[in-house]
Amino acid sequence: MNTMTYKGYTARVEYDERDDIFVGRILGIRTLISFHGETVSQLRKEFESAVKDYLAECRERSVRPEKPVSGKVLLRLPPEVHGAAMVAAQAAGKSLNQWATEVLQDATHS
């Protein structure tokens, strides 16, 4: 997946062959914000403009802008997966939270 990041917001970027343009959509928020451009530099400018416009609109309406993530994740796991993860964390000398953070970082290459 190709992405761009600006002011903490991440957008997925795709090429639309039919219209011969790049298309982006901001991820991780309920508000649908999309943008497009014919070049990568134009796409980046449109992305930054879309974020700025969203933040300005939130200020004008006196609403708090959505943040892409809070840092809290609630997972529902089968008990056997939860147990195996707990054992793996303890075997590594870590809390389940520390272990899961490292596993997710490795999986997302961040």
C-alpha atoms as a PDB file:
ATOM      1  CA  MET A   1       0.000   0.000   0.000  1.00  0.00           C
ATOM      2  CA  ASN A   2       1.301   3.434  -0.905  1.00  0.00           C
ATOM      3  CA  THR A   3       0.744   6.118   1.712  1.00  0.00           C
ATOM      4  CA  MET A   4       1.438   9.773   2.472  1.00  0.00           C
ATOM      5  CA  THR A   5       1.515  11.368   5.924  1.00  0.00           C
ATOM      6  CA  TYR A   6       0.882  14.961   6.946  1.00  0.00           C
ATOM      7  CA  LYS A   7       0.170  16.446  10.412  1.00  0.00           C
ATOM      8  CA  GLY A   8      -0.433  12.969  11.821  1.00  0.00           C
ATOM      9  CA  TYR A   9      -2.931  11.996   9.108  1.00  0.00           C
ATOM     10  CA  THR A  10      -2.160   9.169   6.702  1.00  0.00           C
ATOM     11  CA  ALA A  11      -3.670   8.754   3.266  1.00  0.00           C
ATOM     12  CA  ARG A  12      -3.767   5.715   1.020  1.00  0.00           C
ATOM     13  CA  VAL A  13      -2.699   6.572  -2.516  1.00  0.00           C
ATOM     14  CA  GLU A  14      -3.656   4.693  -5.678  1.00  0.00           C
ATOM     15  CA  TYR A  15      -3.303   5.265  -9.380  1.00  0.00           C
ATOM     16  CA  ASP A  16      -6.572   5.442 -11.307  1.00  0.00           C
ATOM     17  CA  GLU A  17      -5.677   4.134 -14.749  1.00  0.00           C
ATOM     18  CA  ARG A  18      -9.065   4.982 -16.231  1.00  0.00           C
ATOM     19  CA  ASP A  19      -8.775   8.701 -15.397  1.00  0.00           C
ATOM     20  CA  ASP A  20      -4.947   8.779 -15.499  1.00  0.00           C
ATOM     21  CA  ILE A  21      -4.683  10.419 -12.053  1.00  0.00           C
ATOM     22  CA  PHE A  22      -3.479   9.616  -8.570  1.00  0.00           C
ATOM     23  CA  VAL A  23      -6.245   9.373  -5.975  1.00  0.00           C
ATOM     24  CA  GLY A  24      -5.863   9.566  -2.206  1.00  0.00           C
ATOM     25  CA  ARG A  25      -8.109   8.977   0.788  1.00  0.00           C
ATOM     26  CA  ILE A  26      -7.344   9.816   4.415  1.00  0.00           C
ATOM     27  CA  LEU A  27      -7.396   6.717   6.599  1.00  0.00           C
ATOM     28  CA  GLY A  28      -8.346   6.172  10.217  1.00  0.00           C
ATOM     29  CA  ILE A  29     -11.160   8.715  10.576  1.00  0.00           C
ATOM     30  CA  ARG A  30     -14.896   8.484   9.951  1.00  0.00           C
ATOM     31  CA  THR A  31     -15.000  11.644   7.832  1.00  0.00           C
ATOM     32  CA  LEU A  32     -14.496  10.807   4.161  1.00  0.00           C
ATOM     33  CA  ILE A  33     -11.715  13.005   2.810  1.00  0.00           C
ATOM     34  CA  SER A  34     -10.374  12.279  -0.644  1.00  0.00           C
ATOM     35  CA  PHE A  35      -8.191  14.190  -3.081  1.00  0.00           C
ATOM     36  CA  HIS A  36      -6.479  13.684  -6.419  1.00  0.00           C
ATOM     37  CA  GLY A  37      -3.689  14.969  -8.620  1.00  0.00           C
ATOM     38  CA  GLU A  38      -2.095  14.329 -11.981  1.00  0.00           C
ATOM     39  CA  THR A  39       1.434  14.222 -10.539  1.00  0.00           C
ATOM     40  CA  VAL A  40       2.861  13.073  -7.238  1.00  0.00           C
ATOM     41  CA  SER A  41       3.790  16.635  -6.274  1.00  0.00           C
ATOM     42  CA  GLN A  42       0.286  17.861  -7.114  1.00  0.00           C
ATOM     43  CA  LEU A  43      -1.183  14.941  -5.144  1.00  0.00           C
ATOM     44  CA  ARG A  44       0.923  15.872  -2.085  1.00  0.00           C
ATOM     45  CA  LYS A  45      -0.207  19.525  -2.326  1.00  0.00           C
ATOM     46  CA  GLU A  46      -3.851  18.427  -2.580  1.00  0.00           C
ATOM     47  CA  PHE A  47      -3.427  16.089   0.408  1.00  0.00           C
ATOM     48  CA  GLU A  48      -1.939  18.857   2.549  1.00  0.00           C
ATOM     49  CA  SER A  49      -4.673  21.223   1.408  1.00  0.00           C
ATOM     50  CA  ALA A  50      -7.358  18.654   2.272  1.00  0.00           C
ATOM     51  CA  VAL A  51      -5.967  18.233   5.798  1.00  0.00           C
ATOM     52  CA  LYS A  52      -5.708  21.999   6.297  1.00  0.00           C
ATOM     53  CA  ASP A  53      -9.269  22.486   5.009  1.00  0.00           C
ATOM     54  CA  TYR A  54     -10.562  19.742   7.326  1.00  0.00           C
ATOM     55  CA  LEU A  55      -8.846  21.292  10.359  1.00  0.00           C
ATOM     56  CA  ALA A  56     -10.092  24.780   9.421  1.00  0.00           C
ATOM     57  CA  GLU A  57     -13.651  23.503   9.011  1.00  0.00           C
ATOM     58  CA  CYS A  58     -13.468  21.850  12.429  1.00  0.00           C
ATOM     59  CA  ARG A  59     -12.281  25.156  13.970  1.00  0.00           C
ATOM     60  CA  GLU A  60     -15.088  27.084  12.252  1.00  0.00           C
ATOM     61  CA  ARG A  61     -17.693  24.619  13.532  1.00  0.00           C
ATOM     62  CA  SER A  62     -16.057  24.475  16.994  1.00  0.00           C
ATOM     63  CA  VAL A  63     -15.710  20.702  16.833  1.00  0.00           C
ATOM     64  CA  ARG A  64     -12.695  18.650  17.770  1.00  0.00           C
ATOM     65  CA  PRO A  65     -11.011  17.125  14.701  1.00  0.00           C
ATOM     66  CA  GLU A  66     -10.888  13.362  14.625  1.00  0.00           C
ATOM     67  CA  LYS A  67      -7.473  11.953  15.374  1.00  0.00           C
ATOM     68  CA  PRO A  68      -6.459   8.931  13.331  1.00  0.00           C
ATOM     69  CA  VAL A  69      -5.627   6.871  16.434  1.00  0.00           C
ATOM     70  CA  SER A  70      -5.703   7.115  20.201  1.00  0.00           C
ATOM     71  CA  GLY A  71      -3.053   4.539  21.018  1.00  0.00           C
ATOM     72  CA  LYS A  72      -5.600   2.217  22.616  1.00  0.00           C
ATOM     73  CA  VAL A  73      -6.608  -1.057  20.972  1.00  0.00           C
ATOM     74  CA  LEU A  74      -9.263  -3.457  22.192  1.00  0.00           C
ATOM     75  CA  LEU A  75      -8.945  -6.921  20.718  1.00  0.00           C
ATOM     76  CA  ARG A  76     -11.274  -9.878  21.003  1.00  0.00           C
ATOM     77  CA  LEU A  77      -9.208 -13.021  20.713  1.00  0.00           C
ATOM     78  CA  PRO A  78      -9.990 -16.691  21.052  1.00  0.00           C
ATOM     79  CA  PRO A  79      -8.846 -17.815  24.524  1.00  0.00           C
ATOM     80  CA  GLU A  80      -6.184 -20.101  23.045  1.00  0.00           C
ATOM     81  CA  VAL A  81      -4.619 -17.213  21.093  1.00  0.00           C
ATOM     82  CA  HIS A  82      -4.734 -14.964  24.152  1.00  0.00           C
ATOM     83  CA  GLY A  83      -3.093 -17.690  26.232  1.00  0.00           C
ATOM     84  CA  ALA A  84      -0.389 -18.370  23.643  1.00  0.00           C
ATOM     85  CA  ALA A  85       0.376 -14.656  23.391  1.00  0.00           C
ATOM     86  CA  MET A  86       0.609 -14.366  27.176  1.00  0.00           C
ATOM     87  CA  VAL A  87       3.024 -17.310  27.324  1.00  0.00           C
ATOM     88  CA  ALA A  88       5.129 -15.838  24.501  1.00  0.00           C
ATOM     89  CA  ALA A  89       5.258 -12.462  26.287  1.00  0.00           C
ATOM     90  CA  GLN A  90       6.227 -14.022  29.611  1.00  0.00           C
ATOM     91  CA  ALA A  91       8.867 -16.187  27.930  1.00  0.00           C
ATOM     92  CA  ALA A  92      10.343 -13.001  26.433  1.00  0.00           C
ATOM     93  CA  GLY A  93      10.300 -11.333  29.868  1.00  0.00           C
ATOM     94  CA  LYS A  94       7.782  -8.715  28.751  1.00  0.00           C
ATOM     95  CA  SER A  95       4.269  -7.620  29.542  1.00  0.00           C
ATOM     96  CA  LEU A  96       1.624  -8.657  27.044  1.00  0.00           C
ATOM     97  CA  ASN A  97       1.328  -4.987  26.017  1.00  0.00           C
ATOM     98  CA  GLN A  98       5.079  -4.641  25.374  1.00  0.00           C
ATOM     99  CA  TRP A  99       5.188  -7.927  23.481  1.00  0.00           C
ATOM    100  CA  ALA A 100       2.127  -7.102  21.346  1.00  0.00           C
ATOM    101  CA  THR A 101       3.515  -3.645  20.540  1.00  0.00           C
ATOM    102  CA  GLU A 102       6.750  -5.190  19.266  1.00  0.00           C
ATOM    103  CA  VAL A 103       4.899  -7.827  17.246  1.00  0.00           C
ATOM    104  CA  LEU A 104       2.670  -5.195  15.647  1.00  0.00           C
ATOM    105  CA  GLN A 105       5.648  -2.932  14.926  1.00  0.00           C
ATOM    106  CA  ASP A 106       7.447  -5.806  13.217  1.00  0.00           C
ATOM    107  CA  ALA A 107       4.324  -6.721  11.238  1.00  0.00           C
ATOM    108  CA  THR A 108       3.793  -3.145  10.051  1.00  0.00           C
ATOM    109  CA  HIS A 109       7.499  -2.418   9.547  1.00  0.00           C
ATOM    110  CA  SER A 110       7.302   0.852  11.526  1.00  0.00           C
END
